Amino acid sequence: MDLSRAVWRKSTRSGSSGNCVEVATPPQVVMVRDSKQPHGPLLCFSHGDWVAFIQRIKVGSFQA
């Protein structure tokens, strides 16, 4: 997969403090990275795993 062609979008939930998450969705995968470290590590999810992750966030499964 050629990551140089990925189109990254900043999360609409990113705050003004600079703590931002970016997401790219090339075919068959969802990638997540820290916008302050664009060449640093990233997380890759299948679309199914990403949907399940978002659903768990919405129902409060990850409350601190």
Protein backbone atom coordinates (compact mmCIF):
# COMPACT_ATOMS: atom_id res chain seq x y z
CA MET A 1 0.00 0.00 0.00
CA ASP A 2 1.38 3.40 -1.01
CA LEU A 3 0.84 5.61 2.05
CA SER A 4 2.12 8.69 0.21
CA ARG A 5 -1.19 8.76 -1.71
CA ALA A 6 -3.38 8.52 1.39
CA VAL A 7 -5.71 11.48 1.92
CA TRP A 8 -5.68 12.39 5.61
CA ARG A 9 -8.54 14.24 7.34
CA LYS A 10 -8.36 15.87 10.76
CA SER A 11 -11.01 14.72 13.22
CA THR A 12 -13.87 17.16 13.70
CA ARG A 13 -13.44 16.47 17.44
CA SER A 14 -9.84 17.75 17.49
CA GLY A 15 -9.39 20.60 19.90
CA SER A 16 -7.59 23.89 19.51
CA SER A 17 -4.78 22.64 21.77
CA GLY A 18 -3.13 20.85 18.86
CA ASN A 19 -4.02 17.36 20.09
CA CYS A 20 -5.33 16.12 16.75
CA VAL A 21 -6.15 12.78 15.25
CA GLU A 22 -6.13 12.26 11.49
CA VAL A 23 -7.85 9.48 9.58
CA ALA A 24 -7.31 8.14 6.06
CA THR A 25 -9.50 5.54 4.37
CA PRO A 26 -7.80 3.96 1.39
CA PRO A 27 -9.54 0.81 0.09
CA GLN A 28 -10.07 -1.95 2.66
CA VAL A 29 -8.42 -0.20 5.63
CA VAL A 30 -8.82 2.75 8.01
CA MET A 31 -5.60 4.40 9.17
CA VAL A 32 -5.26 6.68 12.20
CA ARG A 33 -2.29 8.87 13.17
CA ASP A 34 -1.26 11.80 15.36
CA SER A 35 -1.27 14.95 13.21
CA LYS A 36 1.81 16.27 15.02
CA GLN A 37 3.79 13.20 13.90
CA PRO A 38 2.74 12.57 10.28
CA HIS A 39 5.73 10.28 9.68
CA GLY A 40 5.39 8.52 13.02
CA PRO A 41 3.46 5.38 13.87
CA LEU A 42 -0.08 4.80 12.71
CA LEU A 43 -2.85 2.38 13.51
CA CYS A 44 -4.57 0.33 10.80
CA PHE A 45 -8.05 -1.16 11.16
CA SER A 46 -10.26 -3.18 8.85
CA HIS A 47 -13.47 -1.32 8.05
CA GLY A 48 -15.43 -3.79 10.19
CA ASP A 49 -13.13 -3.32 13.18
CA TRP A 50 -13.30 0.47 12.79
CA VAL A 51 -17.12 0.44 12.76
CA ALA A 52 -17.16 -1.78 15.87
CA PHE A 53 -14.67 0.57 17.61
CA ILE A 54 -16.79 3.65 16.84
CA GLN A 55 -19.96 1.88 18.02
CA ARG A 56 -18.30 1.00 21.34
CA ILE A 57 -17.23 4.63 21.79
CA LYS A 58 -20.80 5.80 21.16
CA VAL A 59 -22.25 3.51 23.83
CA GLY A 60 -19.59 4.51 26.39
CA SER A 61 -17.58 1.27 26.51
CA PHE A 62 -14.33 3.22 26.95
CA GLN A 63 -15.27 5.51 29.83
CA ALA A 64 -12.37 6.36 32.15
